[in-house]
């Protein structure tokens, strides 16, 4: 039997059958698996290359040497579907680039892990993350957009700020100026308004422009270090 092009029996012989199975089922790769596939001399270079290109992220939720590779996740429904306020990055007039969603998942995983959050729930086109212990978001890749739904409205401005920054980071460092989107925010009337329009009508589109309340100093410090030039 082959898993991701690998012969499962070969991995059984070297005691890595469970590692290969975990990669296939959960998108999680162990360092031992990488070392067997790539060899000791190349492993650090290749892991760092994939980390820099946002194709994998260190999995900081188990205390093991593991890495999440979102593009290898299976497509399944998550246990919980969020119903709080939402915003989305609209690509209907351009194109939703392949790999963008998985790179955002890598950044969310890294950020969540840095804050010692609860482990995320992940599938190929949907993911739920804790940012610390106060903010929980759910990402979903749809036909022409990537939607972000909050579990609740508290700290919505914080969630908007950090996710916008992640999109800007991917654009600047990986995909370049050729990609573009229109950010749309859900209003109190359950309609959607562009970010630019919403900035001029702050009171009508709460809670997106309230202060970043109830976030710890650790969250703020890491967030500030994470932010690059915005995509406004």
Protein backbone atom coordinates (compact mmCIF):
# COMPACT_ATOMS: atom_id res chain seq x y z
CA UNK A 1 0.00 0.00 0.00
CA UNK A 2 1.27 3.47 -0.86
CA UNK A 3 0.67 6.57 1.28
CA UNK A 4 1.51 9.92 -0.37
CA UNK A 5 3.65 7.98 -2.86
CA UNK A 6 5.51 6.03 -0.17
CA UNK A 7 5.44 2.27 0.27
CA UNK A 8 3.98 1.61 3.71
CA UNK A 9 5.93 -1.63 4.14
CA UNK A 10 9.22 0.23 3.87
CA UNK A 11 8.23 2.42 6.81
CA UNK A 12 7.06 -0.56 8.83
CA UNK A 13 10.53 -2.09 8.52
CA UNK A 14 12.16 0.97 10.12
CA UNK A 15 9.49 1.51 12.77
CA UNK A 16 7.89 4.55 11.13
CA UNK A 17 4.53 3.09 10.08
CA UNK A 18 2.68 5.11 12.73
CA UNK A 19 4.53 8.27 11.67
CA UNK A 20 3.48 7.75 8.06
CA UNK A 21 -0.10 7.03 9.11
CA UNK A 22 -0.21 10.22 11.18
CA UNK A 23 1.02 12.20 8.19
CA UNK A 24 -1.67 10.69 6.00
CA UNK A 25 -4.52 11.12 8.48
CA UNK A 26 -3.62 14.34 10.32
CA UNK A 27 -1.06 16.15 8.15
CA UNK A 28 1.46 15.89 10.99
CA UNK A 29 5.05 14.93 10.17
CA UNK A 30 7.65 13.88 12.71
CA UNK A 31 11.29 14.80 12.50
CA UNK A 32 12.14 11.09 12.39
CA UNK A 33 9.98 10.71 9.28
CA UNK A 34 11.65 13.66 7.58
CA UNK A 35 15.08 12.33 8.49
CA UNK A 36 14.31 8.96 6.94
CA UNK A 37 12.90 10.49 3.74
CA UNK A 38 15.40 13.33 3.28
CA UNK A 39 18.50 12.13 5.12
CA UNK A 40 20.28 13.71 8.09
CA UNK A 41 22.41 16.07 6.03
CA UNK A 42 19.45 17.82 4.36
CA UNK A 43 16.77 17.79 7.04
CA UNK A 44 17.44 21.13 8.74
CA UNK A 45 17.79 23.00 5.45
CA UNK A 46 14.57 21.53 4.01
CA UNK A 47 12.51 22.06 7.15
CA UNK A 48 13.68 25.66 7.32
CA UNK A 49 12.90 26.17 3.62
CA UNK A 50 9.37 24.83 4.06
CA UNK A 51 8.94 26.93 7.19
CA UNK A 52 10.05 30.12 5.41
CA UNK A 53 7.76 29.47 2.45
CA UNK A 54 4.90 28.75 4.90
CA UNK A 55 4.37 25.19 3.67
CA UNK A 56 4.72 23.81 7.17
CA UNK A 57 4.62 25.10 10.72
CA UNK A 58 6.12 23.80 13.93
CA UNK A 59 3.43 21.95 15.89
CA UNK A 60 3.82 23.33 19.40
CA UNK A 61 0.81 21.63 20.97
CA UNK A 62 2.28 18.25 21.97
CA UNK A 63 5.85 18.92 23.06
CA UNK A 64 7.13 16.62 20.30
CA UNK A 65 9.27 17.35 17.24
CA UNK A 66 6.31 17.55 14.87
CA UNK A 67 5.29 19.76 11.98
CA UNK A 68 1.89 20.48 10.45
CA UNK A 69 1.63 20.40 6.64
CA UNK A 70 -1.85 21.81 5.87
CA UNK A 71 -1.82 20.77 2.21
CA UNK A 72 -1.75 17.11 3.34
CA UNK A 73 -4.80 17.40 5.58
CA UNK A 74 -7.91 15.42 4.69
CA UNK A 75 -11.16 17.20 3.87
CA UNK A 76 -13.78 16.60 6.56
CA UNK A 77 -16.30 18.53 8.62
CA UNK A 78 -15.15 19.97 11.95
CA UNK A 79 -16.97 19.04 15.14
CA UNK A 80 -18.14 22.60 15.78
CA UNK A 81 -19.37 25.23 13.31
CA UNK A 82 -19.01 28.80 14.59
CA UNK A 83 -21.90 31.24 14.29
CA UNK A 84 -20.42 34.50 15.60
CA UNK A 85 -19.62 37.62 13.57
CA UNK A 86 -17.59 37.07 10.42
CA UNK A 87 -15.51 38.76 7.75
CA UNK A 88 -14.14 37.42 4.51
CA UNK A 89 -11.45 38.04 1.92
CA UNK A 90 -13.27 38.26 -1.40
CA UNK A 91 -11.43 37.06 -4.53
CA UNK A 92 -14.48 37.02 -6.83
CA UNK A 93 -13.05 39.71 -9.13
CA UNK A 94 -9.53 38.24 -9.16
CA UNK A 95 -8.51 34.68 -8.28
CA UNK A 96 -8.10 32.80 -5.03
CA UNK A 97 -4.49 31.58 -5.31
CA UNK A 98 -3.87 27.88 -4.68
CA UNK A 99 -1.99 27.42 -1.43
CA UNK A 100 -3.02 30.72 0.14
CA UNK A 101 -5.45 29.13 2.60
CA UNK A 102 -2.87 26.57 3.74
CA UNK A 103 -0.27 29.28 4.31
CA UNK A 104 -2.72 31.23 6.46
CA UNK A 105 -3.32 28.02 8.43
CA UNK A 106 0.45 27.72 8.94
CA UNK A 107 0.63 31.27 10.30
CA UNK A 108 -2.40 30.76 12.55
CA UNK A 109 -0.89 27.54 13.89
CA UNK A 110 2.41 29.25 14.60
CA UNK A 111 0.75 32.21 16.31
CA UNK A 112 -1.60 30.01 18.33
CA UNK A 113 1.28 27.80 19.44
CA UNK A 114 3.37 30.79 20.51
CA UNK A 115 0.55 31.81 22.83
CA UNK A 116 0.37 28.28 24.30
CA UNK A 117 -3.22 27.93 23.14
CA UNK A 118 -5.43 24.87 22.96
CA UNK A 119 -4.72 22.65 19.92
CA UNK A 120 -6.59 23.64 16.74
CA UNK A 121 -9.07 21.56 14.80
CA UNK A 122 -7.96 21.17 11.21
CA UNK A 123 -9.19 19.89 7.87
CA UNK A 124 -8.12 20.63 4.31
CA UNK A 125 -10.55 23.52 3.80
CA UNK A 126 -11.54 24.51 7.33
CA UNK A 127 -9.69 25.19 10.59
CA UNK A 128 -10.49 26.42 14.10
CA UNK A 129 -7.87 28.17 16.25
CA UNK A 130 -7.54 29.60 19.73
CA UNK A 131 -5.45 32.76 20.04
CA UNK A 132 -4.55 32.57 23.70
CA UNK A 133 -7.55 31.76 25.86
CA UNK A 134 -9.85 34.62 24.81
CA UNK A 135 -10.20 34.55 21.03
CA UNK A 136 -11.31 31.65 18.86
CA UNK A 137 -11.70 31.84 15.10
CA UNK A 138 -12.73 29.49 12.33
CA UNK A 139 -11.30 29.76 8.82
CA UNK A 140 -13.04 28.30 5.80
CA UNK A 141 -11.92 28.23 2.19
CA UNK A 142 -14.87 28.70 -0.15
CA UNK A 143 -15.09 29.02 -3.94
CA UNK A 144 -14.07 32.68 -4.24
CA UNK A 145 -13.21 33.66 -0.69
CA UNK A 146 -11.65 32.79 2.64
CA UNK A 147 -14.14 33.36 5.43
CA UNK A 148 -13.24 33.98 9.07
CA UNK A 149 -15.96 33.41 11.68
CA UNK A 150 -15.57 34.15 15.37
CA UNK A 151 -16.95 32.02 18.14
CA UNK A 152 -18.17 35.22 19.82
CA UNK A 153 -17.91 38.97 19.24
CA UNK A 154 -15.56 39.71 22.15
CA UNK A 155 -12.09 40.75 20.92
CA UNK A 156 -13.33 40.84 17.31
CA UNK A 157 -11.06 43.79 16.54
CA UNK A 158 -8.07 41.77 17.71
CA UNK A 159 -9.01 38.83 15.49
CA UNK A 160 -9.52 41.11 12.47
CA UNK A 161 -6.22 42.87 13.07
CA UNK A 162 -4.11 39.72 13.32
CA UNK A 163 -5.73 37.86 10.41
CA UNK A 164 -5.42 40.91 8.13
CA UNK A 165 -1.75 41.05 9.05
CA UNK A 166 -1.29 37.39 8.15
CA UNK A 167 -2.78 37.95 4.71
CA UNK A 168 -0.46 40.92 4.25
CA UNK A 169 2.52 38.83 5.32
CA UNK A 170 1.77 36.08 2.78
CA UNK A 171 1.26 38.66 0.03
CA UNK A 172 4.49 40.52 0.76
CA UNK A 173 6.77 37.57 1.44
CA UNK A 174 5.40 34.83 -0.84
CA UNK A 175 2.82 35.75 -3.46
CA UNK A 176 3.68 39.30 -4.43
CA UNK A 177 1.63 42.22 -5.67
CA UNK A 178 -0.19 40.22 -8.32
CA UNK A 179 -2.76 38.92 -5.85
CA UNK A 180 -5.52 41.07 -4.43
CA UNK A 181 -8.74 40.83 -2.50
CA UNK A 182 -11.57 42.91 -1.06
CA UNK A 183 -12.01 42.55 2.68
CA UNK A 184 -15.67 42.61 3.76
CA UNK A 185 -17.00 42.86 7.32
CA UNK A 186 -20.34 41.69 8.66
CA UNK A 187 -22.49 44.51 9.99
CA UNK A 188 -25.04 44.50 12.79
CA UNK A 189 -27.72 44.09 10.07
CA UNK A 190 -26.04 40.84 8.92
CA UNK A 191 -24.98 42.46 5.67
CA UNK A 192 -21.40 42.90 4.47
CA UNK A 193 -19.50 46.13 3.97
CA UNK A 194 -16.04 46.64 2.53
CA UNK A 195 -13.30 47.39 5.00
CA UNK A 196 -12.67 50.81 3.47
CA UNK A 197 -16.33 51.77 3.74
CA UNK A 198 -16.57 50.35 7.25
CA UNK A 199 -13.69 52.51 8.50
CA UNK A 200 -15.80 55.61 7.86
CA UNK A 201 -18.82 54.15 9.66
CA UNK A 202 -17.19 52.62 12.70
CA UNK A 203 -20.18 52.82 15.02
CA UNK A 204 -22.36 50.91 12.57
CA UNK A 205 -19.93 48.02 12.17
CA UNK A 206 -19.02 47.26 15.73
CA UNK A 207 -17.26 45.29 17.12
CA UNK A 208 -14.61 45.39 14.38
CA UNK A 209 -13.22 48.79 15.31
CA UNK A 210 -13.41 48.69 19.09
CA UNK A 211 -10.19 48.69 21.08
CA UNK A 212 -8.15 45.51 21.33
CA UNK A 213 -9.59 44.72 24.73
CA UNK A 214 -8.71 42.03 27.22
CA UNK A 215 -5.61 40.84 25.40
CA UNK A 216 -2.60 39.91 27.49
CA UNK A 217 0.71 41.77 27.23
CA UNK A 218 2.22 38.58 25.76
CA UNK A 219 -0.42 38.52 23.03
CA UNK A 220 0.12 42.20 22.21
CA UNK A 221 3.90 41.91 22.13
CA UNK A 222 3.87 38.92 19.83
CA UNK A 223 1.18 40.49 17.66
CA UNK A 224 3.22 43.69 17.27
CA UNK A 225 6.31 41.70 16.31
CA UNK A 226 4.24 39.70 13.85
CA UNK A 227 2.74 42.64 12.01
CA UNK A 228 4.21 43.90 8.76
CA UNK A 229 3.07 46.69 6.45
CA UNK A 230 -0.71 46.50 6.20
CA UNK A 231 -2.66 45.82 3.02
CA UNK A 232 -4.99 48.80 3.31
